[in-house]
Amino acid sequence: MEVTIALRLPRDAASVSVTRQILGAELEVLGVEQQIRDDILLMLTEACSNVIKHATDGDEYTVSAQLVSEKFVITVLDTGGGFDPDKIGERPPMAEGGRGLQIMRALADDVRFINRPRQGAIVCLEKALKYTHDSPGELLRAAR
């Protein structure tokens, strides 16, 4: 089973809620376990919020979510100035900036930050999925 959703969004705080609702509904309909859904939605919120706060060059950003087999992959692409995730990661744990990156790293099974100076940044987050018993996701997975 493979499902892909791609959204082009305005750099506006309201877009974060809309994105959470769309992807949250997809995960709920498939029957993804609640804790996994919560982790994915928190990672998504942090990635999108970082674009809203820090990507200054573009008016839009793109979120794509891909469910492939046993994992959910979120990619957030902005058109801002880019950033160096290693330098942000060097800040103390309770520092004002960088907490979103720490949250994403803690919750995701795999995190990749791709810096594209003067072209923006790409954040890729992966999370293994678990489904509730007899859920559509579990049944579709078993049918392959």
N, C-alpha and C. Protein backbone atom coordinates (compact mmCIF):
# COMPACT_ATOMS: atom_id res chain seq x y z
N MET A 1 0.85 -1.17 0.00
CA MET A 1 0.00 0.00 0.00
C MET A 1 0.89 1.24 0.00
N GLU A 2 0.53 2.18 -0.82
CA GLU A 2 1.24 3.46 -0.85
C GLU A 2 0.22 4.58 -1.00
N VAL A 3 0.34 5.58 -0.14
CA VAL A 3 -0.53 6.75 -0.18
C VAL A 3 0.37 7.98 -0.13
N THR A 4 0.13 8.94 -1.03
CA THR A 4 0.91 10.17 -1.02
C THR A 4 -0.03 11.37 -1.04
N ILE A 5 0.24 12.32 -0.17
CA ILE A 5 -0.50 13.58 -0.13
C ILE A 5 0.53 14.70 -0.20
N ALA A 6 0.30 15.66 -1.08
CA ALA A 6 1.20 16.81 -1.19
C ALA A 6 0.38 18.08 -1.06
N LEU A 7 0.85 19.00 -0.23
CA LEU A 7 0.16 20.26 0.03
C LEU A 7 1.10 21.43 -0.20
N ARG A 8 0.67 22.40 -0.99
CA ARG A 8 1.38 23.68 -1.11
C ARG A 8 0.61 24.66 -0.26
N LEU A 9 1.32 25.25 0.69
CA LEU A 9 0.65 26.04 1.72
C LEU A 9 1.23 27.45 1.81
N PRO A 10 0.40 28.41 2.19
CA PRO A 10 0.94 29.75 2.46
C PRO A 10 1.72 29.72 3.77
N ARG A 11 2.74 30.56 3.86
CA ARG A 11 3.50 30.66 5.11
C ARG A 11 2.67 31.47 6.10
N ASP A 12 1.70 30.81 6.68
CA ASP A 12 0.78 31.42 7.61
C ASP A 12 0.52 30.42 8.72
N ALA A 13 0.40 30.89 9.95
CA ALA A 13 0.22 30.00 11.08
C ALA A 13 -1.00 29.10 10.93
N ALA A 14 -2.05 29.58 10.27
CA ALA A 14 -3.26 28.77 10.09
C ALA A 14 -2.99 27.51 9.27
N SER A 15 -1.98 27.54 8.41
CA SER A 15 -1.68 26.38 7.58
C SER A 15 -1.22 25.19 8.41
N VAL A 16 -0.63 25.44 9.56
CA VAL A 16 -0.15 24.34 10.41
C VAL A 16 -1.33 23.50 10.90
N SER A 17 -2.37 24.16 11.36
CA SER A 17 -3.56 23.46 11.84
C SER A 17 -4.25 22.68 10.72
N VAL A 18 -4.35 23.29 9.56
CA VAL A 18 -4.98 22.61 8.42
C VAL A 18 -4.19 21.36 8.06
N THR A 19 -2.89 21.47 8.02
CA THR A 19 -2.04 20.32 7.68
C THR A 19 -2.19 19.21 8.71
N ARG A 20 -2.20 19.58 9.98
CA ARG A 20 -2.39 18.59 11.05
C ARG A 20 -3.72 17.86 10.89
N GLN A 21 -4.77 18.62 10.59
CA GLN A 21 -6.09 18.01 10.45
C GLN A 21 -6.15 17.04 9.27
N ILE A 22 -5.57 17.44 8.15
CA ILE A 22 -5.60 16.57 6.95
C ILE A 22 -4.82 15.29 7.19
N LEU A 23 -3.58 15.42 7.67
CA LEU A 23 -2.76 14.22 7.86
C LEU A 23 -3.24 13.41 9.06
N GLY A 24 -3.72 14.08 10.09
CA GLY A 24 -4.27 13.36 11.24
C GLY A 24 -5.47 12.52 10.85
N ALA A 25 -6.34 13.06 9.98
CA ALA A 25 -7.51 12.30 9.52
C ALA A 25 -7.08 11.08 8.72
N GLU A 26 -6.06 11.23 7.87
CA GLU A 26 -5.56 10.09 7.10
C GLU A 26 -5.08 8.98 8.04
N LEU A 27 -4.29 9.36 9.04
CA LEU A 27 -3.75 8.37 9.97
C LEU A 27 -4.86 7.73 10.80
N GLU A 28 -5.85 8.51 11.19
CA GLU A 28 -6.95 7.98 11.99
C GLU A 28 -7.80 6.99 11.18
N VAL A 29 -8.12 7.35 9.95
CA VAL A 29 -8.93 6.48 9.10
C VAL A 29 -8.23 5.14 8.89
N LEU A 30 -6.92 5.17 8.72
CA LEU A 30 -6.17 3.93 8.53
C LEU A 30 -6.05 3.12 9.81
N GLY A 31 -6.28 3.75 10.97
CA GLY A 31 -6.20 3.03 12.23
C GLY A 31 -4.81 2.98 12.83
N VAL A 32 -4.00 4.00 12.55
CA VAL A 32 -2.66 4.07 13.15
C VAL A 32 -2.83 4.27 14.65
N GLU A 33 -2.05 3.55 15.44
CA GLU A 33 -2.13 3.65 16.90
C GLU A 33 -2.00 5.10 17.35
N GLN A 34 -2.74 5.45 18.40
CA GLN A 34 -2.83 6.83 18.88
C GLN A 34 -1.46 7.44 19.20
N GLN A 35 -0.59 6.72 19.90
CA GLN A 35 0.72 7.29 20.27
C GLN A 35 1.56 7.61 19.04
N ILE A 36 1.50 6.74 18.03
CA ILE A 36 2.24 6.98 16.78
C ILE A 36 1.66 8.21 16.09
N ARG A 37 0.32 8.32 16.03
CA ARG A 37 -0.33 9.50 15.42
C ARG A 37 0.10 10.77 16.14
N ASP A 38 0.09 10.73 17.46
CA ASP A 38 0.48 11.91 18.25
C ASP A 38 1.92 12.31 17.95
N ASP A 39 2.82 11.34 17.89
CA ASP A 39 4.23 11.63 17.58
C ASP A 39 4.36 12.27 16.19
N ILE A 40 3.67 11.69 15.21
CA ILE A 40 3.75 12.22 13.84
C ILE A 40 3.21 13.65 13.78
N LEU A 41 2.09 13.90 14.43
CA LEU A 41 1.49 15.23 14.37
C LEU A 41 2.34 16.27 15.10
N LEU A 42 3.02 15.86 16.18
CA LEU A 42 3.90 16.80 16.87
C LEU A 42 5.13 17.11 16.02
N MET A 43 5.71 16.08 15.39
CA MET A 43 6.86 16.32 14.49
C MET A 43 6.44 17.24 13.35
N LEU A 44 5.28 16.98 12.77
CA LEU A 44 4.76 17.80 11.68
C LEU A 44 4.58 19.24 12.12
N THR A 45 4.01 19.43 13.30
CA THR A 45 3.80 20.78 13.83
C THR A 45 5.11 21.52 13.99
N GLU A 46 6.12 20.85 14.53
CA GLU A 46 7.42 21.49 14.73
C GLU A 46 8.06 21.87 13.40
N ALA A 47 8.01 20.96 12.43
CA ALA A 47 8.63 21.24 11.13
C ALA A 47 7.93 22.41 10.43
N CYS A 48 6.60 22.41 10.43
CA CYS A 48 5.86 23.50 9.78
C CYS A 48 6.03 24.82 10.53
N SER A 49 6.01 24.77 11.85
CA SER A 49 6.19 25.99 12.65
C SER A 49 7.55 26.62 12.40
N ASN A 50 8.57 25.79 12.22
CA ASN A 50 9.90 26.33 11.91
C ASN A 50 9.90 27.07 10.59
N VAL A 51 9.17 26.56 9.61
CA VAL A 51 9.07 27.27 8.33
C VAL A 51 8.39 28.62 8.54
N ILE A 52 7.28 28.62 9.26
CA ILE A 52 6.54 29.87 9.49
C ILE A 52 7.44 30.90 10.18
N LYS A 53 8.21 30.46 11.17
CA LYS A 53 9.03 31.39 11.96
C LYS A 53 10.32 31.81 11.25
N HIS A 54 10.95 30.90 10.51
CA HIS A 54 12.33 31.15 10.09
C HIS A 54 12.57 31.29 8.59
N ALA A 55 11.73 30.75 7.75
CA ALA A 55 11.97 30.82 6.30
C ALA A 55 11.45 32.15 5.79
N THR A 56 12.35 33.06 5.49
CA THR A 56 11.93 34.43 5.22
C THR A 56 11.76 34.77 3.75
N ASP A 57 12.25 33.96 2.84
CA ASP A 57 12.26 34.37 1.44
C ASP A 57 10.99 34.04 0.66
N GLY A 58 10.26 33.02 1.03
CA GLY A 58 9.14 32.59 0.21
C GLY A 58 7.80 32.81 0.87
N ASP A 59 6.78 32.82 0.06
CA ASP A 59 5.42 32.96 0.57
C ASP A 59 4.74 31.62 0.75
N GLU A 60 5.35 30.55 0.25
CA GLU A 60 4.75 29.23 0.32
C GLU A 60 5.76 28.21 0.83
N TYR A 61 5.22 27.08 1.25
CA TYR A 61 6.05 25.93 1.53
C TYR A 61 5.25 24.68 1.17
N THR A 62 5.94 23.57 1.06
CA THR A 62 5.31 22.32 0.64
C THR A 62 5.48 21.26 1.71
N VAL A 63 4.40 20.56 1.98
CA VAL A 63 4.44 19.41 2.87
C VAL A 63 3.96 18.21 2.06
N SER A 64 4.76 17.17 2.05
CA SER A 64 4.30 15.93 1.44
C SER A 64 4.38 14.83 2.49
N ALA A 65 3.39 13.98 2.46
CA ALA A 65 3.34 12.85 3.38
C ALA A 65 3.15 11.60 2.55
N GLN A 66 3.98 10.64 2.82
CA GLN A 66 3.93 9.41 2.04
C GLN A 66 3.90 8.23 2.99
N LEU A 67 2.88 7.43 2.84
CA LEU A 67 2.77 6.19 3.58
C LEU A 67 3.25 5.09 2.65
N VAL A 68 4.37 4.50 3.02
CA VAL A 68 4.95 3.44 2.20
C VAL A 68 5.13 2.22 3.09
N SER A 69 4.36 1.19 2.80
CA SER A 69 4.46 -0.06 3.52
C SER A 69 4.28 0.17 5.02
N GLU A 70 5.33 0.08 5.78
CA GLU A 70 5.25 0.16 7.24
C GLU A 70 5.70 1.50 7.81
N LYS A 71 5.92 2.51 6.97
CA LYS A 71 6.42 3.78 7.52
C LYS A 71 5.70 4.97 6.89
N PHE A 72 5.73 6.05 7.64
CA PHE A 72 5.14 7.32 7.23
C PHE A 72 6.30 8.31 7.08
N VAL A 73 6.40 8.94 5.92
CA VAL A 73 7.50 9.86 5.63
C VAL A 73 6.90 11.24 5.37
N ILE A 74 7.35 12.21 6.14
CA ILE A 74 6.93 13.60 5.96
C ILE A 74 8.12 14.38 5.43
N THR A 75 7.88 15.16 4.39
CA THR A 75 8.92 16.04 3.84
C THR A 75 8.37 17.45 3.83
N VAL A 76 9.10 18.36 4.45
CA VAL A 76 8.72 19.77 4.48
C VAL A 76 9.80 20.55 3.74
N LEU A 77 9.39 21.28 2.73
CA LEU A 77 10.31 22.02 1.87
C LEU A 77 9.95 23.50 1.91
N ASP A 78 10.93 24.34 2.22
CA ASP A 78 10.68 25.78 2.19
C ASP A 78 11.62 26.44 1.19
N THR A 79 11.41 27.72 0.96
CA THR A 79 12.23 28.45 0.00
C THR A 79 13.02 29.56 0.68
N GLY A 80 13.26 29.41 1.98
CA GLY A 80 14.00 30.41 2.74
C GLY A 80 15.50 30.32 2.53
N GLY A 81 16.24 30.85 3.47
CA GLY A 81 17.69 30.92 3.36
C GLY A 81 18.42 29.67 3.77
N GLY A 82 17.70 28.67 4.27
CA GLY A 82 18.35 27.45 4.74
C GLY A 82 18.89 27.63 6.15
N PHE A 83 19.41 26.56 6.73
CA PHE A 83 19.97 26.61 8.08
C PHE A 83 20.94 25.47 8.26
N ASP A 84 21.75 25.57 9.29
CA ASP A 84 22.70 24.51 9.61
C ASP A 84 22.19 23.78 10.86
N PRO A 85 21.59 22.60 10.71
CA PRO A 85 21.02 21.91 11.87
C PRO A 85 22.05 21.51 12.91
N ASP A 86 23.30 21.33 12.51
CA ASP A 86 24.34 20.97 13.48
C ASP A 86 24.63 22.11 14.44
N LYS A 87 24.64 23.33 13.93
CA LYS A 87 24.89 24.48 14.81
C LYS A 87 23.73 24.71 15.76
N ILE A 88 22.51 24.49 15.28
CA ILE A 88 21.35 24.65 16.15
C ILE A 88 21.37 23.57 17.21
N GLY A 89 21.77 22.35 16.84
CA GLY A 89 21.83 21.24 17.79
C GLY A 89 22.86 21.42 18.88
N GLU A 90 23.80 22.36 18.72
CA GLU A 90 24.84 22.59 19.72
C GLU A 90 24.34 23.42 20.90
N ARG A 91 23.17 24.02 20.79
CA ARG A 91 22.65 24.86 21.86
C ARG A 91 22.30 24.01 23.08
N PRO A 92 22.33 24.62 24.26
CA PRO A 92 21.93 23.87 25.46
C PRO A 92 20.49 23.38 25.34
N PRO A 93 20.14 22.26 26.00
CA PRO A 93 18.81 21.68 25.86
C PRO A 93 17.65 22.63 26.15
N MET A 94 17.81 23.55 27.05
CA MET A 94 16.70 24.45 27.40
C MET A 94 16.81 25.81 26.71
N ALA A 95 17.70 25.94 25.75
CA ALA A 95 17.84 27.20 25.02
C ALA A 95 16.55 27.50 24.27
N GLU A 96 16.28 28.78 24.05
CA GLU A 96 15.05 29.20 23.40
C GLU A 96 14.92 28.63 22.00
N GLY A 97 15.98 28.69 21.21
CA GLY A 97 15.91 28.17 19.84
C GLY A 97 16.39 26.74 19.77
N GLY A 98 15.89 26.00 18.80
CA GLY A 98 16.38 24.65 18.56
C GLY A 98 15.59 23.54 19.21
N ARG A 99 14.60 23.88 20.05
CA ARG A 99 13.83 22.83 20.71
C ARG A 99 13.01 22.01 19.71
N GLY A 100 12.51 22.67 18.67
CA GLY A 100 11.74 21.94 17.67
C GLY A 100 12.56 20.86 17.00
N LEU A 101 13.82 21.17 16.70
CA LEU A 101 14.70 20.16 16.09
C LEU A 101 14.94 19.01 17.05
N GLN A 102 15.11 19.33 18.33
CA GLN A 102 15.32 18.28 19.33
C GLN A 102 14.08 17.39 19.45
N ILE A 103 12.91 18.00 19.40
CA ILE A 103 11.67 17.22 19.46
C ILE A 103 11.56 16.30 18.26
N MET A 104 11.84 16.84 17.07
CA MET A 104 11.77 16.02 15.87
C MET A 104 12.75 14.86 15.95
N ARG A 105 13.96 15.13 16.40
CA ARG A 105 14.98 14.06 16.51
C ARG A 105 14.56 13.00 17.52
N ALA A 106 13.90 13.43 18.60
CA ALA A 106 13.49 12.49 19.64
C ALA A 106 12.33 11.59 19.20
N LEU A 107 11.44 12.11 18.38
CA LEU A 107 10.22 11.37 18.03
C LEU A 107 10.35 10.57 16.74
N ALA A 108 11.15 11.02 15.82
CA ALA A 108 11.26 10.36 14.51
C ALA A 108 12.20 9.16 14.60
N ASP A 109 11.93 8.17 13.77
CA ASP A 109 12.86 7.04 13.64
C ASP A 109 14.06 7.43 12.80
N ASP A 110 13.83 8.36 11.87
CA ASP A 110 14.92 8.88 11.04
C ASP A 110 14.60 10.33 10.70
N VAL A 111 15.60 11.19 10.82
CA VAL A 111 15.46 12.62 10.51
C VAL A 111 16.60 13.02 9.59
N ARG A 112 16.26 13.73 8.52
CA ARG A 112 17.29 14.27 7.64
C ARG A 112 16.98 15.74 7.41
N PHE A 113 18.02 16.55 7.55
CA PHE A 113 17.93 17.98 7.25
C PHE A 113 18.84 18.24 6.07
N ILE A 114 18.28 18.80 5.03
CA ILE A 114 19.06 19.12 3.84
C ILE A 114 19.04 20.63 3.69
N ASN A 115 20.21 21.22 3.79
CA ASN A 115 20.34 22.68 3.68
C ASN A 115 20.66 23.04 2.25
N ARG A 116 19.91 23.98 1.71
CA ARG A 116 20.15 24.46 0.36
C ARG A 116 20.31 25.97 0.45
N PRO A 117 21.54 26.44 0.73
CA PRO A 117 21.74 27.88 0.91
C PRO A 117 21.09 28.69 -0.20
N ARG A 118 20.37 29.72 0.20
CA ARG A 118 19.65 30.63 -0.69
C ARG A 118 18.54 29.95 -1.48
N GLN A 119 18.28 28.67 -1.21
CA GLN A 119 17.18 27.96 -1.88
C GLN A 119 16.24 27.31 -0.88
N GLY A 120 16.55 27.41 0.39
CA GLY A 120 15.67 26.83 1.40
C GLY A 120 16.23 25.60 2.05
N ALA A 121 15.34 24.91 2.74
CA ALA A 121 15.73 23.71 3.49
C ALA A 121 14.68 22.63 3.28
N ILE A 122 15.13 21.40 3.47
CA ILE A 122 14.23 20.25 3.42
C ILE A 122 14.38 19.50 4.73
N VAL A 123 13.26 19.20 5.35
CA VAL A 123 13.24 18.38 6.55
C VAL A 123 12.48 17.12 6.19
N CYS A 124 13.11 15.97 6.42
CA CYS A 124 12.49 14.68 6.12
C CYS A 124 12.41 13.87 7.41
N LEU A 125 11.20 13.48 7.77
CA LEU A 125 10.94 12.76 9.02
C LEU A 125 10.29 11.42 8.70
N GLU A 126 10.79 10.35 9.31
CA GLU A 126 10.22 9.02 9.10
C GLU A 126 9.80 8.42 10.43
N LYS A 127 8.68 7.72 10.39
CA LYS A 127 8.17 7.07 11.60
C LYS A 127 7.54 5.74 11.20
N ALA A 128 7.94 4.66 11.88
CA ALA A 128 7.34 3.35 11.65
C ALA A 128 5.89 3.37 12.14
N LEU A 129 5.03 2.68 11.41
CA LEU A 129 3.61 2.67 11.74
C LEU A 129 3.22 1.37 12.43
N LYS A 130 2.27 1.51 13.35
CA LYS A 130 1.61 0.37 13.98
C LYS A 130 0.12 0.66 13.89
N TYR A 131 -0.65 -0.37 13.56
CA TYR A 131 -2.09 -0.21 13.39
C TYR A 131 -2.85 -0.90 14.51
N THR A 132 -4.03 -0.39 14.80
CA THR A 132 -4.90 -1.07 15.75
C THR A 132 -5.46 -2.33 15.10
N HIS A 133 -5.89 -3.26 15.92
CA HIS A 133 -6.37 -4.55 15.45
C HIS A 133 -7.59 -4.37 14.53
N ASP A 134 -7.58 -5.05 13.40
CA ASP A 134 -8.65 -5.04 12.41
C ASP A 134 -8.92 -3.67 11.79
N SER A 135 -7.96 -2.78 11.87
CA SER A 135 -8.12 -1.45 11.24
C SER A 135 -7.92 -1.56 9.74
N PRO A 136 -8.41 -0.57 8.98
CA PRO A 136 -8.19 -0.60 7.54
C PRO A 136 -6.70 -0.72 7.17
N GLY A 137 -5.84 0.01 7.88
CA GLY A 137 -4.41 -0.07 7.59
C GLY A 137 -3.86 -1.46 7.79
N GLU A 138 -4.25 -2.11 8.87
CA GLU A 138 -3.79 -3.46 9.14
C GLU A 138 -4.31 -4.44 8.09
N LEU A 139 -5.56 -4.29 7.72
CA LEU A 139 -6.15 -5.19 6.73
C LEU A 139 -5.53 -4.98 5.35
N LEU A 140 -5.29 -3.74 4.97
CA LEU A 140 -4.66 -3.45 3.68
C LEU A 140 -3.22 -3.96 3.65
N ARG A 141 -2.52 -3.81 4.77
CA ARG A 141 -1.15 -4.31 4.85
C ARG A 141 -1.11 -5.82 4.70
N ALA A 142 -2.04 -6.51 5.35
CA ALA A 142 -2.08 -7.97 5.30
C ALA A 142 -2.49 -8.48 3.92
N ALA A 143 -3.21 -7.65 3.15
CA ALA A 143 -3.71 -8.08 1.83
C ALA A 143 -2.63 -8.09 0.75
N ARG A 144 -1.50 -7.50 1.02
CA ARG A 144 -0.48 -7.43 -0.05
C ARG A 144 0.26 -8.70 -0.20
